[in-house]
Amino acid sequence: MEQRIALINDFKTRIPGTRTFWHFLEEILDANFISTKKWFWRRRLEKFNPDVIIQNAFWGDLKISKKPIIMLIQDNYHALMKYNLLDETSCIKQIKKIQSAIDVADYVVVNVNSLLRLYNIPKEKGCWIPMGVDSSVFYPSSSERNQTRKELGITGDCNIFVGDETLIHGWDQVKLKIEENKNINWILVSKNKPFSITGKNIKTFCNVDHDMLRKLYNAADLFFARGSIGLPAIEAMLCGTKVDITHDIGYFEDWYPKNKDPHSEVITSGFDLQDTITKWKDIVIKINQDYKL
């Protein structure tokens, strides 16, 4: 029997044309996305009558009576507060809100393993599933490396940073690194706002597609980033690019790349998209069966 799955969040994406994790869940689970920004969303949820609900824990307890509910925690406010990447008041407020969501959840999925411990989530009630990156989209390519470097006029060492000029992405430290050595080439890639920094050794890109992003990762020798690090570092590693990143935050709280074979290390660490798909499908089946029992 086909399961009806509802996804509860405000938006699938805030950047037009950009795919997010909610698009991913909608597709792999054949789910129905319901936006809390629509005043009639509760009526729509009731009419849909889902077998399982997956809600963004960011919104706290939405007082949904329909069960079962899987809460998804995507943001590590404990780490943002610890490393002064976001003000303490905002972090504490959001942590309490997420805790209220956890308290009413039947199951909890976190994208960073340490959140299970930080929120004291029992083993029987939660699990870690990273977002994952598609290894059929991001992979090493010597031909792309040579062609892209030729097109960009890169002949020496090259670093790449994928993020924005924000404190959360550690831009202040990235900028200092750029200024340290003018002989290092830099590829800077942002999502929705172009970089303000310029220089002969700097190539900037904004809102590129995955194919272009893969070419840029392949053209670089090192992925450098600070702050909260997520999928970009995983994407770079799948392209065989070594990384220099913040430890003890984001996906790298429990492990740090050895940089001997970045591509293989990502696969064996469970960050391949296919692993993520399998885990999500298994969790949805399990929680629905357990609840009915």
C-alpha atoms as a PDB file:
ATOM      1  CA  MET A   1       0.000   0.000   0.000  1.00  0.00           C
ATOM      2  CA  GLU A   2       1.340   3.413  -0.977  1.00  0.00           C
ATOM      3  CA  GLN A   3       2.144   5.711   1.943  1.00  0.00           C
ATOM      4  CA  ARG A   4       0.973   9.328   2.049  1.00  0.00           C
ATOM      5  CA  ILE A   5       3.796  11.505   3.343  1.00  0.00           C
ATOM      6  CA  ALA A   6       3.461  15.203   4.187  1.00  0.00           C
ATOM      7  CA  LEU A   7       6.413  17.596   4.405  1.00  0.00           C
ATOM      8  CA  ILE A   8       5.881  20.603   6.683  1.00  0.00           C
ATOM      9  CA  ASN A   9       8.086  23.707   6.300  1.00  0.00           C
ATOM     10  CA  ASP A  10       7.723  27.349   5.292  1.00  0.00           C
ATOM     11  CA  PHE A  11       9.362  27.212   1.839  1.00  0.00           C
ATOM     12  CA  LYS A  12      11.011  24.575  -0.298  1.00  0.00           C
ATOM     13  CA  THR A  13      13.529  27.252  -1.296  1.00  0.00           C
ATOM     14  CA  ARG A  14      14.014  30.984  -0.809  1.00  0.00           C
ATOM     15  CA  ILE A  15      16.212  31.313  -3.892  1.00  0.00           C
ATOM     16  CA  PRO A  16      14.312  30.872  -7.175  1.00  0.00           C
ATOM     17  CA  GLY A  17      15.695  28.038  -9.286  1.00  0.00           C
ATOM     18  CA  THR A  18      17.688  26.558  -6.388  1.00  0.00           C
ATOM     19  CA  ARG A  19      16.961  23.021  -5.242  1.00  0.00           C
ATOM     20  CA  THR A  20      16.975  22.238  -1.532  1.00  0.00           C
ATOM     21  CA  PHE A  21      16.689  19.211   0.728  1.00  0.00           C
ATOM     22  CA  TRP A  22      12.896  19.619   0.682  1.00  0.00           C
ATOM     23  CA  HIS A  23      12.815  19.117  -3.082  1.00  0.00           C
ATOM     24  CA  PHE A  24      14.918  16.006  -2.513  1.00  0.00           C
ATOM     25  CA  LEU A  25      12.548  14.550   0.106  1.00  0.00           C
ATOM     26  CA  GLU A  26       9.528  15.425  -2.005  1.00  0.00           C
ATOM     27  CA  GLU A  27      10.927  13.422  -4.920  1.00  0.00           C
ATOM     28  CA  ILE A  28      12.427  10.352  -3.242  1.00  0.00           C
ATOM     29  CA  LEU A  29       9.437   9.826  -0.929  1.00  0.00           C
ATOM     30  CA  ASP A  30       6.784  11.000  -3.401  1.00  0.00           C
ATOM     31  CA  ALA A  31       5.694  13.355  -0.643  1.00  0.00           C
ATOM     32  CA  ASN A  32       3.283  16.297  -0.528  1.00  0.00           C
ATOM     33  CA  PHE A  33       4.917  19.580   0.506  1.00  0.00           C
ATOM     34  CA  ILE A  34       2.699  21.788   2.674  1.00  0.00           C
ATOM     35  CA  SER A  35       3.833  25.359   3.366  1.00  0.00           C
ATOM     36  CA  THR A  36       3.080  26.872   6.779  1.00  0.00           C
ATOM     37  CA  LYS A  37       3.046  30.261   5.039  1.00  0.00           C
ATOM     38  CA  LYS A  38      -0.364  29.412   3.584  1.00  0.00           C
ATOM     39  CA  TRP A  39      -3.100  30.346   6.056  1.00  0.00           C
ATOM     40  CA  PHE A  40      -5.091  27.216   5.131  1.00  0.00           C
ATOM     41  CA  TRP A  41      -2.172  24.800   5.579  1.00  0.00           C
ATOM     42  CA  ARG A  42      -3.796  22.954   8.507  1.00  0.00           C
ATOM     43  CA  ARG A  43      -6.944  22.378   6.484  1.00  0.00           C
ATOM     44  CA  ARG A  44      -4.846  21.091   3.606  1.00  0.00           C
ATOM     45  CA  LEU A  45      -2.950  18.748   5.936  1.00  0.00           C
ATOM     46  CA  GLU A  46      -6.191  17.378   7.346  1.00  0.00           C
ATOM     47  CA  LYS A  47      -7.616  16.832   3.859  1.00  0.00           C
ATOM     48  CA  PHE A  48      -4.437  15.068   2.688  1.00  0.00           C
ATOM     49  CA  ASN A  49      -4.635  12.768   5.736  1.00  0.00           C
ATOM     50  CA  PRO A  50      -0.978  11.593   5.660  1.00  0.00           C
ATOM     51  CA  ASP A  51       0.350   8.326   7.032  1.00  0.00           C
ATOM     52  CA  VAL A  52       3.582  10.056   8.098  1.00  0.00           C
ATOM     53  CA  ILE A  53       4.491  13.721   8.647  1.00  0.00           C
ATOM     54  CA  ILE A  54       8.029  15.064   8.300  1.00  0.00           C
ATOM     55  CA  GLN A  55       8.349  18.511   9.865  1.00  0.00           C
ATOM     56  CA  ASN A  56      11.195  20.985  10.083  1.00  0.00           C
ATOM     57  CA  ALA A  57      11.922  21.163  13.824  1.00  0.00           C
ATOM     58  CA  PHE A  58      12.976  24.808  13.339  1.00  0.00           C
ATOM     59  CA  TRP A  59       9.310  25.806  13.787  1.00  0.00           C
ATOM     60  CA  GLY A  60       8.905  24.098  17.131  1.00  0.00           C
ATOM     61  CA  ASP A  61       5.669  22.430  18.222  1.00  0.00           C
ATOM     62  CA  LEU A  62       3.090  23.359  15.581  1.00  0.00           C
ATOM     63  CA  LYS A  63       0.349  21.616  17.560  1.00  0.00           C
ATOM     64  CA  ILE A  64      -0.289  19.029  14.857  1.00  0.00           C
ATOM     65  CA  SER A  65      -2.626  16.359  16.184  1.00  0.00           C
ATOM     66  CA  LYS A  66      -2.105  13.987  13.254  1.00  0.00           C
ATOM     67  CA  LYS A  67       0.501  11.279  13.922  1.00  0.00           C
ATOM     68  CA  PRO A  68       3.188  10.005  13.468  1.00  0.00           C
ATOM     69  CA  ILE A  69       5.579  12.941  13.149  1.00  0.00           C
ATOM     70  CA  ILE A  70       9.256  12.760  12.206  1.00  0.00           C
ATOM     71  CA  MET A  71      11.103  15.938  13.208  1.00  0.00           C
ATOM     72  CA  LEU A  72      14.019  16.953  11.013  1.00  0.00           C
ATOM     73  CA  ILE A  73      16.763  19.038  12.648  1.00  0.00           C
ATOM     74  CA  GLN A  74      18.903  20.792  10.036  1.00  0.00           C
ATOM     75  CA  ASP A  75      20.559  23.565  12.065  1.00  0.00           C
ATOM     76  CA  ASN A  76      23.169  23.195  14.807  1.00  0.00           C
ATOM     77  CA  TYR A  77      22.556  26.243  16.980  1.00  0.00           C
ATOM     78  CA  HIS A  78      24.746  24.814  19.744  1.00  0.00           C
ATOM     79  CA  ALA A  79      27.759  25.041  17.420  1.00  0.00           C
ATOM     80  CA  LEU A  80      26.762  28.462  16.053  1.00  0.00           C
ATOM     81  CA  MET A  81      26.645  29.752  19.617  1.00  0.00           C
ATOM     82  CA  LYS A  82      29.860  28.003  20.686  1.00  0.00           C
ATOM     83  CA  TYR A  83      31.870  29.538  17.845  1.00  0.00           C
ATOM     84  CA  ASN A  84      30.174  32.960  18.042  1.00  0.00           C
ATOM     85  CA  LEU A  85      28.732  32.607  14.561  1.00  0.00           C
ATOM     86  CA  LEU A  86      25.307  33.767  15.761  1.00  0.00           C
ATOM     87  CA  ASP A  87      24.312  35.745  18.838  1.00  0.00           C
ATOM     88  CA  GLU A  88      23.645  33.750  22.011  1.00  0.00           C
ATOM     89  CA  THR A  89      20.105  35.065  22.565  1.00  0.00           C
ATOM     90  CA  SER A  90      18.925  33.946  19.127  1.00  0.00           C
ATOM     91  CA  CYS A  91      20.596  30.543  19.498  1.00  0.00           C
ATOM     92  CA  ILE A  92      19.090  29.835  22.934  1.00  0.00           C
ATOM     93  CA  LYS A  93      15.643  30.881  21.715  1.00  0.00           C
ATOM     94  CA  GLN A  94      15.869  28.560  18.721  1.00  0.00           C
ATOM     95  CA  ILE A  95      17.263  25.650  20.750  1.00  0.00           C
ATOM     96  CA  LYS A  96      14.226  25.872  23.058  1.00  0.00           C
ATOM     97  CA  LYS A  97      11.917  25.989  20.052  1.00  0.00           C
ATOM     98  CA  ILE A  98      13.512  22.881  18.532  1.00  0.00           C
ATOM     99  CA  GLN A  99      13.308  21.124  21.894  1.00  0.00           C
ATOM    100  CA  SER A 100       9.551  21.750  21.957  1.00  0.00           C
ATOM    101  CA  ALA A 101       9.341  20.038  18.558  1.00  0.00           C
ATOM    102  CA  ILE A 102      11.390  17.078  19.780  1.00  0.00           C
ATOM    103  CA  ASP A 103       9.121  16.641  22.798  1.00  0.00           C
ATOM    104  CA  VAL A 104       6.069  15.974  20.607  1.00  0.00           C
ATOM    105  CA  ALA A 105       7.879  13.997  17.898  1.00  0.00           C
ATOM    106  CA  ASP A 106       7.530  10.273  17.380  1.00  0.00           C
ATOM    107  CA  TYR A 107      10.953  10.169  15.764  1.00  0.00           C
ATOM    108  CA  VAL A 108      13.827  12.605  15.165  1.00  0.00           C
ATOM    109  CA  VAL A 109      16.281  12.750  12.263  1.00  0.00           C
ATOM    110  CA  VAL A 110      19.390  14.940  12.541  1.00  0.00           C
ATOM    111  CA  ASN A 111      21.838  15.831   9.784  1.00  0.00           C
ATOM    112  CA  VAL A 112      24.710  16.280  12.253  1.00  0.00           C
ATOM    113  CA  ASN A 113      25.403  13.342  14.545  1.00  0.00           C
ATOM    114  CA  SER A 114      26.204  15.352  17.689  1.00  0.00           C
ATOM    115  CA  LEU A 115      22.670  16.796  17.778  1.00  0.00           C
ATOM    116  CA  LEU A 116      21.434  13.445  19.088  1.00  0.00           C
ATOM    117  CA  ARG A 117      23.601  13.979  22.160  1.00  0.00           C
ATOM    118  CA  LEU A 118      23.053  17.736  22.506  1.00  0.00           C
ATOM    119  CA  TYR A 119      19.266  17.286  22.601  1.00  0.00           C
ATOM    120  CA  ASN A 120      19.450  14.082  24.674  1.00  0.00           C
ATOM    121  CA  ILE A 121      17.506  12.123  22.061  1.00  0.00           C
ATOM    122  CA  PRO A 122      17.187   8.416  22.998  1.00  0.00           C
ATOM    123  CA  LYS A 123      18.577   5.882  20.507  1.00  0.00           C
ATOM    124  CA  GLU A 124      15.131   4.414  19.945  1.00  0.00           C
ATOM    125  CA  LYS A 125      13.720   7.839  19.029  1.00  0.00           C
ATOM    126  CA  GLY A 126      16.367   9.288  16.721  1.00  0.00           C
ATOM    127  CA  CYS A 127      19.034   8.704  14.107  1.00  0.00           C
ATOM    128  CA  TRP A 128      21.629  10.528  12.001  1.00  0.00           C
ATOM    129  CA  ILE A 129      21.087  10.859   8.256  1.00  0.00           C
ATOM    130  CA  PRO A 130      23.356  13.330   6.428  1.00  0.00           C
ATOM    131  CA  MET A 131      21.958  15.217   3.448  1.00  0.00           C
ATOM    132  CA  GLY A 132      24.316  13.419   1.097  1.00  0.00           C
ATOM    133  CA  VAL A 133      25.776  14.379  -2.282  1.00  0.00           C
ATOM    134  CA  ASP A 134      25.193  12.685  -5.626  1.00  0.00           C
ATOM    135  CA  SER A 135      28.440  10.989  -6.661  1.00  0.00           C
ATOM    136  CA  SER A 136      27.133  10.715 -10.227  1.00  0.00           C
ATOM    137  CA  VAL A 137      27.128  14.528 -10.401  1.00  0.00           C
ATOM    138  CA  PHE A 138      30.305  15.288  -8.430  1.00  0.00           C
ATOM    139  CA  TYR A 139      33.325  13.189  -9.396  1.00  0.00           C
ATOM    140  CA  PRO A 140      37.024  13.615 -10.313  1.00  0.00           C
ATOM    141  CA  SER A 141      37.799  14.510 -13.929  1.00  0.00           C
ATOM    142  CA  SER A 142      41.307  15.240 -15.175  1.00  0.00           C
ATOM    143  CA  SER A 143      39.973  16.388 -18.561  1.00  0.00           C
ATOM    144  CA  GLU A 144      37.619  18.894 -16.935  1.00  0.00           C
ATOM    145  CA  ARG A 145      40.439  20.042 -14.679  1.00  0.00           C
ATOM    146  CA  ASN A 146      42.766  20.773 -17.581  1.00  0.00           C
ATOM    147  CA  GLN A 147      40.091  22.433 -19.702  1.00  0.00           C
ATOM    148  CA  THR A 148      38.702  24.611 -16.898  1.00  0.00           C
ATOM    149  CA  ARG A 149      42.131  25.742 -15.716  1.00  0.00           C
ATOM    150  CA  LYS A 150      42.988  26.658 -19.307  1.00  0.00           C
ATOM    151  CA  GLU A 151      39.772  28.650 -19.718  1.00  0.00           C
ATOM    152  CA  LEU A 152      40.342  30.501 -16.438  1.00  0.00           C
ATOM    153  CA  GLY A 153      44.032  31.082 -17.059  1.00  0.00           C
ATOM    154  CA  ILE A 154      45.121  29.160 -13.956  1.00  0.00           C
ATOM    155  CA  THR A 155      48.674  27.838 -14.069  1.00  0.00           C
ATOM    156  CA  GLY A 156      49.685  27.550 -10.421  1.00  0.00           C
ATOM    157  CA  ASP A 157      48.174  26.467  -7.112  1.00  0.00           C
ATOM    158  CA  CYS A 158      44.465  27.145  -6.807  1.00  0.00           C
ATOM    159  CA  ASN A 159      42.106  27.219  -3.819  1.00  0.00           C
ATOM    160  CA  ILE A 160      38.315  27.225  -3.966  1.00  0.00           C
ATOM    161  CA  PHE A 161      35.759  28.625  -1.522  1.00  0.00           C
ATOM    162  CA  VAL A 162      32.022  28.021  -1.875  1.00  0.00           C
ATOM    163  CA  GLY A 163      29.855  30.164   0.352  1.00  0.00           C
ATOM    164  CA  ASP A 164      28.987  33.783   1.030  1.00  0.00           C
ATOM    165  CA  GLU A 165      30.609  36.856   2.565  1.00  0.00           C
ATOM    166  CA  THR A 166      29.049  36.098   5.948  1.00  0.00           C
ATOM    167  CA  LEU A 167      30.337  35.350   9.436  1.00  0.00           C
ATOM    168  CA  ILE A 168      28.565  31.979   9.490  1.00  0.00           C
ATOM    169  CA  HIS A 169      30.547  30.928   6.408  1.00  0.00           C
ATOM    170  CA  GLY A 170      33.766  32.221   7.989  1.00  0.00           C
ATOM    171  CA  TRP A 171      34.332  34.836   5.299  1.00  0.00           C
ATOM    172  CA  ASP A 172      36.536  37.024   7.522  1.00  0.00           C
ATOM    173  CA  GLN A 173      39.067  34.190   7.816  1.00  0.00           C
ATOM    174  CA  VAL A 174      38.773  33.233   4.148  1.00  0.00           C
ATOM    175  CA  LYS A 175      39.474  36.833   3.146  1.00  0.00           C
ATOM    176  CA  LEU A 176      42.565  36.918   5.370  1.00  0.00           C
ATOM    177  CA  LYS A 177      43.787  33.711   3.726  1.00  0.00           C
ATOM    178  CA  ILE A 178      43.330  35.261   0.280  1.00  0.00           C
ATOM    179  CA  GLU A 179      45.314  38.338   1.313  1.00  0.00           C
ATOM    180  CA  GLU A 180      48.172  36.279   2.791  1.00  0.00           C
ATOM    181  CA  ASN A 181      49.553  35.109  -0.537  1.00  0.00           C
ATOM    182  CA  LYS A 182      48.785  36.897  -3.792  1.00  0.00           C
ATOM    183  CA  ASN A 183      50.461  34.073  -5.756  1.00  0.00           C
ATOM    184  CA  ILE A 184      47.682  31.619  -4.938  1.00  0.00           C
ATOM    185  CA  ASN A 185      44.791  31.510  -7.406  1.00  0.00           C
ATOM    186  CA  TRP A 186      41.292  31.601  -5.905  1.00  0.00           C
ATOM    187  CA  ILE A 187      37.926  30.447  -7.215  1.00  0.00           C
ATOM    188  CA  LEU A 188      35.074  31.981  -5.207  1.00  0.00           C
ATOM    189  CA  VAL A 189      31.541  30.677  -5.697  1.00  0.00           C
ATOM    190  CA  SER A 190      28.463  32.244  -4.084  1.00  0.00           C
ATOM    191  CA  LYS A 191      24.803  31.254  -4.269  1.00  0.00           C
ATOM    192  CA  ASN A 192      22.813  34.434  -4.706  1.00  0.00           C
ATOM    193  CA  LYS A 193      24.985  37.513  -4.098  1.00  0.00           C
ATOM    194  CA  PRO A 194      28.183  38.215  -6.094  1.00  0.00           C
ATOM    195  CA  PHE A 195      31.450  38.624  -4.193  1.00  0.00           C
ATOM    196  CA  SER A 196      32.681  42.174  -3.629  1.00  0.00           C
ATOM    197  CA  ILE A 197      36.366  41.194  -3.560  1.00  0.00           C
ATOM    198  CA  THR A 198      38.432  41.471  -6.750  1.00  0.00           C
ATOM    199  CA  GLY A 199      41.992  40.731  -7.831  1.00  0.00           C
ATOM    200  CA  LYS A 200      44.093  39.323 -10.669  1.00  0.00           C
ATOM    201  CA  ASN A 201      44.349  36.000  -8.857  1.00  0.00           C
ATOM    202  CA  ILE A 202      40.604  35.823  -8.075  1.00  0.00           C
ATOM    203  CA  LYS A 203      37.875  34.286 -10.231  1.00  0.00           C
ATOM    204  CA  THR A 204      34.333  34.826  -8.933  1.00  0.00           C
ATOM    205  CA  PHE A 205      31.126  32.978  -9.818  1.00  0.00           C
ATOM    206  CA  CYS A 206      27.530  33.306  -8.644  1.00  0.00           C
ATOM    207  CA  ASN A 207      24.656  30.832  -8.690  1.00  0.00           C
ATOM    208  CA  VAL A 208      26.249  28.259 -11.019  1.00  0.00           C
ATOM    209  CA  ASP A 209      24.697  24.891 -11.879  1.00  0.00           C
ATOM    210  CA  HIS A 210      26.091  21.584 -10.623  1.00  0.00           C
ATOM    211  CA  ASP A 211      27.962  20.796 -13.822  1.00  0.00           C
ATOM    212  CA  MET A 212      29.853  24.079 -13.660  1.00  0.00           C
ATOM    213  CA  LEU A 213      30.440  23.684  -9.932  1.00  0.00           C
ATOM    214  CA  ARG A 214      31.968  20.244 -10.509  1.00  0.00           C
ATOM    215  CA  LYS A 215      34.341  21.723 -13.111  1.00  0.00           C
ATOM    216  CA  LEU A 216      35.417  24.414 -10.646  1.00  0.00           C
ATOM    217  CA  TYR A 217      36.047  21.866  -7.878  1.00  0.00           C
ATOM    218  CA  ASN A 218      38.131  19.812 -10.305  1.00  0.00           C
ATOM    219  CA  ALA A 219      40.123  22.882 -11.318  1.00  0.00           C
ATOM    220  CA  ALA A 220      41.135  23.572  -7.712  1.00  0.00           C
ATOM    221  CA  ASP A 221      43.863  21.955  -5.628  1.00  0.00           C
ATOM    222  CA  LEU A 222      42.314  22.744  -2.251  1.00  0.00           C
ATOM    223  CA  PHE A 223      38.870  23.551  -0.849  1.00  0.00           C
ATOM    224  CA  PHE A 224      39.387  26.140   1.881  1.00  0.00           C
ATOM    225  CA  ALA A 225      36.636  27.247   4.252  1.00  0.00           C
ATOM    226  CA  ARG A 226      35.941  28.260   7.815  1.00  0.00           C
ATOM    227  CA  GLY A 227      32.772  28.646   9.856  1.00  0.00           C
ATOM    228  CA  SER A 228      29.844  26.245   9.479  1.00  0.00           C
ATOM    229  CA  ILE A 229      30.779  23.775   6.743  1.00  0.00           C
ATOM    230  CA  GLY A 230      28.206  21.627   4.985  1.00  0.00           C
ATOM    231  CA  LEU A 231      27.676  20.124   1.554  1.00  0.00           C
ATOM    232  CA  PRO A 232      30.250  22.168  -0.426  1.00  0.00           C
ATOM    233  CA  ALA A 233      33.141  20.431   1.332  1.00  0.00           C
ATOM    234  CA  ILE A 234      31.565  17.028   0.641  1.00  0.00           C
ATOM    235  CA  GLU A 235      31.035  17.973  -3.013  1.00  0.00           C
ATOM    236  CA  ALA A 236      34.665  19.043  -3.315  1.00  0.00           C
ATOM    237  CA  MET A 237      35.901  15.798  -1.768  1.00  0.00           C
ATOM    238  CA  LEU A 238      33.805  13.740  -4.180  1.00  0.00           C
ATOM    239  CA  CYS A 239      35.683  15.568  -6.958  1.00  0.00           C
ATOM    240  CA  GLY A 240      38.926  14.398  -5.365  1.00  0.00           C
ATOM    241  CA  THR A 241      39.798  17.865  -4.051  1.00  0.00           C
ATOM    242  CA  LYS A 242      41.618  18.055  -0.729  1.00  0.00           C
ATOM    243  CA  VAL A 243      40.093  20.202   2.013  1.00  0.00           C
ATOM    244  CA  ASP A 244      41.238  22.624   4.712  1.00  0.00           C
ATOM    245  CA  ILE A 245      38.177  23.233   6.867  1.00  0.00           C
ATOM    246  CA  THR A 246      36.958  23.963  10.366  1.00  0.00           C
ATOM    247  CA  HIS A 247      36.999  20.923  12.615  1.00  0.00           C
ATOM    248  CA  ASP A 248      34.398  20.167  15.319  1.00  0.00           C
ATOM    249  CA  ILE A 249      31.532  21.879  13.500  1.00  0.00           C
ATOM    250  CA  GLY A 250      29.000  20.776  10.907  1.00  0.00           C
ATOM    251  CA  TYR A 251      29.504  17.469   9.120  1.00  0.00           C
ATOM    252  CA  PHE A 252      33.066  17.250  10.408  1.00  0.00           C
ATOM    253  CA  GLU A 253      32.368  17.115  14.133  1.00  0.00           C
ATOM    254  CA  ASP A 254      33.039  13.399  14.322  1.00  0.00           C
ATOM    255  CA  TRP A 255      35.688  12.981  11.635  1.00  0.00           C
ATOM    256  CA  TYR A 256      38.269  15.000   9.773  1.00  0.00           C
ATOM    257  CA  PRO A 257      39.383  14.116   6.233  1.00  0.00           C
ATOM    258  CA  LYS A 258      42.800  12.499   5.907  1.00  0.00           C
ATOM    259  CA  ASN A 259      43.091  14.008   2.411  1.00  0.00           C
ATOM    260  CA  LYS A 260      44.752  10.902   0.980  1.00  0.00           C
ATOM    261  CA  ASP A 261      41.763   9.890  -1.144  1.00  0.00           C
ATOM    262  CA  PRO A 262      38.961  12.432  -0.554  1.00  0.00           C
ATOM    263  CA  HIS A 263      36.524  10.767  -2.973  1.00  0.00           C
ATOM    264  CA  SER A 264      36.726   7.339  -1.326  1.00  0.00           C
ATOM    265  CA  GLU A 265      36.571   8.809   2.159  1.00  0.00           C
ATOM    266  CA  VAL A 266      33.245  10.531   1.456  1.00  0.00           C
ATOM    267  CA  ILE A 267      31.735   7.300   0.132  1.00  0.00           C
ATOM    268  CA  THR A 268      32.904   5.162   3.056  1.00  0.00           C
ATOM    269  CA  SER A 269      31.743   7.792   5.565  1.00  0.00           C
ATOM    270  CA  GLY A 270      28.140   7.511   4.365  1.00  0.00           C
ATOM    271  CA  PHE A 271      27.710  10.819   2.541  1.00  0.00           C
ATOM    272  CA  ASP A 272      26.764   9.411  -0.854  1.00  0.00           C
ATOM    273  CA  LEU A 273      23.253  10.389  -1.908  1.00  0.00           C
ATOM    274  CA  GLN A 274      22.194   6.786  -2.497  1.00  0.00           C
ATOM    275  CA  ASP A 275      22.912   5.951   1.140  1.00  0.00           C
ATOM    276  CA  THR A 276      20.791   8.923   2.203  1.00  0.00           C
ATOM    277  CA  ILE A 277      17.887   7.835   0.007  1.00  0.00           C
ATOM    278  CA  THR A 278      17.933   4.297   1.408  1.00  0.00           C
ATOM    279  CA  LYS A 279      18.043   5.518   5.017  1.00  0.00           C
ATOM    280  CA  TRP A 280      15.131   7.926   4.562  1.00  0.00           C
ATOM    281  CA  LYS A 281      12.935   5.324   2.902  1.00  0.00           C
ATOM    282  CA  ASP A 282      13.718   2.802   5.645  1.00  0.00           C
ATOM    283  CA  ILE A 283      12.932   5.291   8.415  1.00  0.00           C
ATOM    284  CA  VAL A 284       9.566   6.253   6.920  1.00  0.00           C
ATOM    285  CA  ILE A 285       8.559   2.597   6.593  1.00  0.00           C
ATOM    286  CA  LYS A 286       9.737   1.791  10.125  1.00  0.00           C
ATOM    287  CA  ILE A 287       7.995   4.686  11.860  1.00  0.00           C
ATOM    288  CA  ASN A 288       4.731   4.013  10.049  1.00  0.00           C
ATOM    289  CA  GLN A 289       4.824   0.332  10.932  1.00  0.00           C
ATOM    290  CA  ASP A 290       5.787   0.993  14.576  1.00  0.00           C
ATOM    291  CA  TYR A 291       3.041   3.558  15.012  1.00  0.00           C
ATOM    292  CA  LYS A 292       0.367   1.237  13.611  1.00  0.00           C
ATOM    293  CA  LEU A 293       1.542  -1.547  15.904  1.00  0.00           C
END
